[in-house]
Amino acid sequence: MIELEHISKRYDGRPVVDDLSLTVPDGAFCILLGPSGCGKSTTLRMINRLVPFDSGAIRIAGEDIRDVPEEALRRRIGYAIQSIGLFPHWTVEDNIATVPRLLNWPGRRIRDRVAELLELLRLDPESYRRKYPHQLSGGEQQRIGVARALAADPELLLMDEPFGAVDPITRDALQNEIARIHAATKKTIVFVTHDIEEALRLATVIAILERGRLAQWGAPIDIVEHPASAFVRDFVGGEGSGLKLLGLRKIAERMRPGESAVGVPLSADASLRDALAVMTERHTDRLPVADASGRAIGIIMLADLVR
């Protein structure tokens, strides 16, 4: 658990983070969301003491971070950023192994961990471990940056707009990967972005910041359905927030059990937004729905999307 208690940070007398308090539960995928200059990245960097805070307290697992030596703290925390920062003259294996070697892990354990992480990120270990960063695509470099952040099995992963510099197709794939890794590892992740779509797709909980203050905290669907202010309402889409709600709700919530329709079924776990897209593509107002095993269990109709 991460606790931020009345944290403040000023630059030249100007508040960048202003009396910020929030608690991130163990295993959460917490996204710090807001416009440029709202204090997101500064907040993230204060958690691993890259930036000192002026007042307040930050605790990780109940321990005040100021009571932990900086090096020891950062070895407990994985950190991935947009610019990646891979060492250009080191191989992929050497880059991933940076922290485990500082921790004096035995060589065999390091090699096994590198292979495990490359496989987790769907990169063949034998093909990639000896490559250099310049031999990788932007998306592959970003994957290696994430692998390096996870290498020493940290209790916490901090990510500062890690996918902001890649193309939309690669970004979509990387979002899928980090969501899968979170589900597989149950790591606590704090992730900075200004992209509402990315936040709604990945987060279990969102903190929206406005001028260094907490504007709203909650589950994605609660924030979209019940914005706490005009600022939050406009930031999450204003009048267009209805489409975002379709992306957050599942077909299973609105389907009609036992009824049947013609065509290839959608999974009950798919979103209502997916259903709308398929209805538009197929020029129909009803679709069959199947469970995880592919068994037909009902239908979803266009009218059900706006119920």
Protein backbone atom coordinates (compact mmCIF):
# COMPACT_ATOMS: atom_id res chain seq x y z
CA MET A 1 0.00 0.00 0.00
CA ILE A 2 1.20 3.53 -0.83
CA GLU A 3 0.04 6.40 1.33
CA LEU A 4 0.50 10.05 0.38
CA GLU A 5 -0.45 12.31 3.26
CA HIS A 6 -0.74 16.09 2.70
CA ILE A 7 2.17 16.15 0.23
CA SER A 8 3.23 19.55 -1.13
CA LYS A 9 5.98 20.64 -3.52
CA ARG A 10 6.82 24.16 -4.68
CA TYR A 11 9.16 25.47 -7.36
CA ASP A 12 10.16 29.13 -7.04
CA GLY A 13 7.27 29.63 -4.66
CA ARG A 14 4.71 28.17 -7.08
CA PRO A 15 2.79 25.10 -5.85
CA VAL A 16 3.21 22.14 -8.22
CA VAL A 17 1.70 19.59 -5.81
CA ASP A 18 -0.58 21.13 -3.22
CA ASP A 19 -1.69 19.26 -0.07
CA LEU A 20 -2.21 15.97 -1.93
CA SER A 21 -3.49 12.95 0.00
CA LEU A 22 -4.40 9.53 -1.43
CA THR A 23 -3.95 5.83 -0.66
CA VAL A 24 -3.14 3.27 -3.35
CA PRO A 25 -4.22 -0.26 -2.29
CA ASP A 26 -1.96 -3.27 -2.74
CA GLY A 27 -2.32 -4.75 -6.22
CA ALA A 28 -4.05 -1.68 -7.67
CA PHE A 29 -3.37 -0.28 -11.12
CA CYS A 30 -3.54 3.40 -10.14
CA ILE A 31 -3.40 6.04 -12.84
CA LEU A 32 -2.48 9.65 -12.12
CA LEU A 33 -4.44 11.52 -14.77
CA GLY A 34 -4.63 15.15 -15.71
CA PRO A 35 -3.45 17.90 -18.08
CA SER A 36 0.18 18.93 -18.52
CA GLY A 37 1.56 20.73 -15.51
CA CYS A 38 -0.93 19.35 -12.98
CA GLY A 39 1.73 17.61 -10.86
CA LYS A 40 1.41 14.00 -12.07
CA SER A 41 5.07 13.30 -12.86
CA THR A 42 6.31 15.27 -9.85
CA THR A 43 4.07 13.15 -7.61
CA LEU A 44 5.44 9.96 -9.14
CA ARG A 45 9.05 11.10 -8.69
CA MET A 46 8.44 12.01 -5.07
CA ILE A 47 7.39 8.41 -4.36
CA ASN A 48 10.88 7.11 -5.23
CA ARG A 49 12.64 10.23 -3.88
CA LEU A 50 13.90 11.47 -7.24
CA VAL A 51 12.22 14.73 -6.20
CA PRO A 52 12.17 15.83 -2.53
CA PHE A 53 8.82 17.01 -1.13
CA ASP A 54 8.46 20.11 1.00
CA SER A 55 5.89 18.83 3.48
CA GLY A 56 3.74 15.80 4.27
CA ALA A 57 4.61 12.11 4.37
CA ILE A 58 4.82 9.20 1.92
CA ARG A 59 4.69 5.64 3.21
CA ILE A 60 5.18 2.36 1.35
CA ALA A 61 3.93 -0.73 3.22
CA GLY A 62 3.60 1.48 6.30
CA GLU A 63 7.25 2.64 6.18
CA ASP A 64 8.09 6.33 5.78
CA ILE A 65 10.26 6.58 2.66
CA ARG A 66 12.50 9.16 4.36
CA ASP A 67 13.56 6.44 6.79
CA VAL A 68 14.84 4.25 3.93
CA PRO A 69 18.20 4.95 2.21
CA GLU A 70 17.57 6.24 -1.32
CA GLU A 71 19.41 3.38 -3.06
CA ALA A 72 17.62 0.74 -1.01
CA LEU A 73 14.26 2.39 -1.73
CA ARG A 74 14.82 2.56 -5.48
CA ARG A 75 15.87 -1.08 -5.63
CA ARG A 76 12.44 -1.92 -4.19
CA ILE A 77 10.69 0.13 -6.88
CA GLY A 78 10.62 -0.50 -10.63
CA TYR A 79 10.68 2.69 -12.71
CA ALA A 80 9.80 2.97 -16.41
CA ILE A 81 9.71 6.26 -18.32
CA GLN A 82 8.83 7.48 -21.80
CA SER A 83 12.45 8.01 -22.89
CA ILE A 84 13.30 4.42 -21.80
CA GLY A 85 16.97 5.22 -21.06
CA LEU A 86 18.50 1.90 -22.15
CA PHE A 87 22.29 1.80 -22.07
CA PRO A 88 23.19 1.81 -25.81
CA HIS A 89 26.42 -0.20 -25.54
CA TRP A 90 24.89 -2.92 -23.35
CA THR A 91 22.98 -5.91 -24.65
CA VAL A 92 19.33 -6.47 -23.86
CA GLU A 93 20.36 -9.00 -21.21
CA ASP A 94 22.77 -6.56 -19.57
CA ASN A 95 20.17 -3.79 -19.56
CA ILE A 96 17.54 -5.98 -17.93
CA ALA A 97 20.07 -7.32 -15.42
CA THR A 98 21.13 -3.87 -14.14
CA VAL A 99 19.47 -4.00 -10.71
CA PRO A 100 19.84 -7.77 -10.06
CA ARG A 101 23.62 -7.35 -10.56
CA LEU A 102 23.67 -4.43 -8.12
CA LEU A 103 21.92 -6.78 -5.68
CA ASN A 104 24.62 -9.43 -6.31
CA TRP A 105 22.25 -12.06 -7.68
CA PRO A 106 24.12 -15.18 -8.91
CA GLY A 107 24.66 -15.38 -12.66
CA ARG A 108 22.34 -18.34 -13.23
CA ARG A 109 19.49 -16.63 -11.40
CA ILE A 110 19.99 -13.47 -13.51
CA ARG A 111 19.98 -15.43 -16.78
CA ASP A 112 16.80 -17.25 -15.75
CA ARG A 113 15.13 -13.98 -14.73
CA VAL A 114 16.03 -12.33 -18.05
CA ALA A 115 14.56 -15.27 -19.96
CA GLU A 116 11.43 -15.24 -17.78
CA LEU A 117 10.82 -11.52 -18.39
CA LEU A 118 11.46 -11.70 -22.13
CA GLU A 119 8.94 -14.52 -22.36
CA LEU A 120 6.48 -12.53 -20.24
CA LEU A 121 6.80 -9.67 -22.73
CA ARG A 122 6.49 -12.06 -25.67
CA LEU A 123 10.06 -11.64 -26.89
CA ASP A 124 12.03 -14.81 -27.65
CA PRO A 125 14.93 -14.95 -25.16
CA GLU A 126 17.42 -16.55 -27.52
CA SER A 127 16.65 -14.02 -30.26
CA TYR A 128 16.72 -10.91 -28.09
CA ARG A 129 19.07 -11.34 -25.11
CA ARG A 130 22.23 -10.58 -27.16
CA LYS A 131 20.79 -7.73 -29.22
CA TYR A 132 21.65 -4.06 -28.64
CA PRO A 133 19.07 -1.26 -28.25
CA HIS A 134 19.73 0.15 -31.74
CA GLN A 135 18.70 -3.21 -33.20
CA LEU A 136 15.22 -2.96 -31.64
CA SER A 137 12.08 -1.17 -32.72
CA GLY A 138 10.62 1.54 -30.50
CA GLY A 139 8.02 -0.85 -29.14
CA GLU A 140 10.65 -3.51 -28.43
CA GLN A 141 12.83 -0.97 -26.62
CA GLN A 142 9.84 0.03 -24.50
CA ARG A 143 9.24 -3.63 -23.62
CA ILE A 144 12.87 -3.96 -22.52
CA GLY A 145 12.42 -0.84 -20.38
CA VAL A 146 9.47 -2.50 -18.66
CA ALA A 147 11.44 -5.75 -18.24
CA ARG A 148 14.30 -3.83 -16.62
CA ALA A 149 11.85 -2.16 -14.23
CA LEU A 150 10.49 -5.60 -13.23
CA ALA A 151 13.85 -7.39 -13.11
CA ALA A 152 14.41 -7.46 -9.35
CA ASP A 153 10.76 -8.34 -8.66
CA PRO A 154 9.97 -4.94 -7.08
CA GLU A 155 6.98 -4.53 -4.81
CA LEU A 156 5.93 -1.41 -6.72
CA LEU A 157 6.14 -0.32 -10.37
CA LEU A 158 6.13 3.38 -11.30
CA MET A 159 5.50 4.28 -14.96
CA ASP A 160 5.73 7.85 -16.29
CA GLU A 161 3.91 8.09 -19.66
CA PRO A 162 5.87 5.02 -20.82
CA PHE A 163 4.01 4.59 -24.11
CA GLY A 164 3.70 8.23 -25.14
CA ALA A 165 6.47 8.18 -27.74
CA VAL A 166 5.35 5.16 -29.81
CA ASP A 167 2.89 4.92 -32.70
CA PRO A 168 -0.79 4.11 -32.02
CA ILE A 169 -0.60 0.46 -33.10
CA THR A 170 2.46 -0.22 -30.93
CA ARG A 171 0.89 1.72 -28.07
CA ASP A 172 -2.23 -0.44 -28.25
CA ALA A 173 -0.08 -3.59 -28.11
CA LEU A 174 1.94 -2.27 -25.16
CA GLN A 175 -1.22 -1.37 -23.26
CA ASN A 176 -2.43 -4.94 -23.77
CA GLU A 177 0.91 -6.24 -22.48
CA ILE A 178 1.00 -4.13 -19.32
CA ALA A 179 -2.63 -5.03 -18.54
CA ARG A 180 -1.74 -8.72 -18.96
CA ILE A 181 1.39 -8.34 -16.79
CA HIS A 182 -0.63 -6.63 -14.06
CA ALA A 183 -3.18 -9.44 -14.11
CA ALA A 184 -0.41 -12.06 -13.99
CA THR A 185 1.84 -10.50 -11.33
CA LYS A 186 -0.65 -8.56 -9.14
CA LYS A 187 1.98 -5.82 -8.81
CA THR A 188 0.95 -2.43 -7.50
CA ILE A 189 1.37 -0.02 -10.42
CA VAL A 190 1.25 3.78 -10.39
CA PHE A 191 1.06 5.04 -13.97
CA VAL A 192 1.10 8.64 -15.22
CA THR A 193 -0.79 9.68 -18.35
CA HIS A 194 -2.78 12.60 -19.76
CA ASP A 195 -4.70 10.24 -22.08
CA ILE A 196 -8.20 9.53 -20.74
CA GLU A 197 -8.68 6.56 -23.08
CA GLU A 198 -5.48 4.94 -21.80
CA ALA A 199 -6.53 5.57 -18.21
CA LEU A 200 -9.99 4.07 -18.65
CA ARG A 201 -8.54 1.05 -20.40
CA LEU A 202 -5.89 0.21 -17.79
CA ALA A 203 -6.84 1.59 -14.39
CA THR A 204 -8.51 -0.09 -11.48
CA VAL A 205 -8.50 3.30 -9.76
CA ILE A 206 -7.87 6.83 -11.07
CA ALA A 207 -6.62 10.01 -9.36
CA ILE A 208 -7.45 13.09 -11.44
CA LEU A 209 -5.20 16.03 -10.59
CA GLU A 210 -5.98 19.70 -11.17
CA ARG A 211 -3.25 22.26 -10.46
CA GLY A 212 -1.53 19.97 -8.04
CA ARG A 213 -4.66 19.06 -6.09
CA LEU A 214 -6.80 15.93 -6.12
CA ALA A 215 -9.88 16.71 -8.20
CA GLN A 216 -11.39 13.21 -7.95
CA TRP A 217 -10.44 9.69 -6.88
CA GLY A 218 -12.32 6.53 -7.78
CA ALA A 219 -12.94 3.62 -10.11
CA PRO A 220 -13.00 4.55 -13.82
CA ILE A 221 -16.72 3.97 -14.24
CA ASP A 222 -17.56 6.04 -11.15
CA ILE A 223 -15.53 8.98 -12.43
CA VAL A 224 -17.18 8.90 -15.86
CA GLU A 225 -20.69 8.42 -14.46
CA HIS A 226 -20.35 10.82 -11.52
CA PRO A 227 -17.74 13.53 -12.21
CA ALA A 228 -17.06 15.59 -9.11
CA SER A 229 -16.72 18.93 -10.93
CA ALA A 230 -17.04 20.68 -14.27
CA PHE A 231 -13.27 20.25 -14.71
CA VAL A 232 -13.49 16.46 -14.29
CA ARG A 233 -16.58 16.23 -16.51
CA ASP A 234 -14.84 18.13 -19.32
CA PHE A 235 -11.59 16.21 -18.89
CA VAL A 236 -13.23 12.78 -19.17
CA GLY A 237 -15.14 13.74 -22.29
CA GLY A 238 -18.05 16.02 -21.46
CA GLU A 239 -20.92 15.18 -23.78
CA GLY A 240 -18.82 12.41 -25.35
CA SER A 241 -18.51 10.51 -22.08
CA GLY A 242 -21.38 8.23 -23.08
CA LEU A 243 -19.13 6.38 -25.53
CA LYS A 244 -16.53 5.99 -22.80
CA LEU A 245 -19.17 4.43 -20.56
CA LEU A 246 -19.93 1.91 -23.30
CA GLY A 247 -16.25 0.98 -23.22
CA LEU A 248 -16.36 0.35 -19.46
CA ARG A 249 -19.51 -1.75 -19.27
CA LYS A 250 -19.60 -5.40 -20.32
CA ILE A 251 -22.10 -7.14 -22.58
CA ALA A 252 -22.84 -9.54 -19.70
CA GLU A 253 -24.44 -6.63 -17.81
CA ARG A 254 -27.04 -5.93 -20.53
CA MET A 255 -27.51 -9.17 -22.50
CA ARG A 256 -30.81 -11.03 -22.86
CA PRO A 257 -30.21 -14.60 -21.65
CA GLY A 258 -31.74 -17.51 -23.52
CA GLU A 259 -32.58 -15.61 -26.73
CA SER A 260 -30.83 -16.39 -30.01
CA ALA A 261 -29.61 -14.54 -33.08
CA VAL A 262 -27.76 -15.39 -36.30
CA GLY A 263 -24.06 -14.70 -36.74
CA VAL A 264 -20.67 -15.06 -35.07
CA PRO A 265 -21.17 -14.44 -31.33
CA LEU A 266 -19.39 -11.88 -29.18
CA SER A 267 -17.94 -12.79 -25.82
CA ALA A 268 -20.00 -11.79 -22.81
CA ASP A 269 -16.79 -10.21 -21.48
CA ALA A 270 -16.56 -7.82 -24.45
CA SER A 271 -17.57 -4.20 -23.91
CA LEU A 272 -20.78 -2.55 -25.02
CA ARG A 273 -18.59 -0.35 -27.20
CA ASP A 274 -17.32 -3.48 -28.96
CA ALA A 275 -20.93 -4.55 -29.48
CA LEU A 276 -21.82 -1.18 -31.02
CA ALA A 277 -18.85 -1.39 -33.39
CA VAL A 278 -19.80 -4.91 -34.55
CA MET A 279 -23.46 -3.94 -34.98
CA THR A 280 -22.39 -1.02 -37.16
CA GLU A 281 -20.06 -3.23 -39.21
CA ARG A 282 -22.72 -5.95 -39.70
CA HIS A 283 -25.66 -3.55 -40.20
CA THR A 284 -27.73 -5.24 -37.52
CA ASP A 285 -29.41 -4.30 -34.25
CA ARG A 286 -28.81 -7.65 -32.49
CA LEU A 287 -25.87 -9.97 -31.90
CA PRO A 288 -25.50 -13.45 -30.38
CA VAL A 289 -23.48 -13.66 -27.16
CA ALA A 290 -21.29 -16.57 -26.00
CA ASP A 291 -19.56 -17.52 -22.76
CA ALA A 292 -15.82 -18.17 -22.40
CA SER A 293 -16.21 -21.69 -23.81
CA GLY A 294 -18.01 -20.41 -26.92
CA ARG A 295 -21.44 -21.66 -25.86
CA ALA A 296 -24.33 -19.41 -26.96
CA ILE A 297 -25.99 -17.87 -23.89
CA GLY A 298 -28.13 -15.01 -25.22
CA ILE A 299 -28.18 -11.86 -27.35
CA ILE A 300 -27.42 -8.15 -27.06
CA MET A 301 -29.61 -5.60 -28.87
CA LEU A 302 -28.95 -2.02 -29.89
CA ALA A 303 -31.62 -0.81 -27.48
CA ASP A 304 -29.77 -2.54 -24.63
CA LEU A 305 -26.70 -0.31 -25.17
CA VAL A 306 -28.57 2.84 -24.09
CA ARG A 307 -30.74 1.28 -21.45
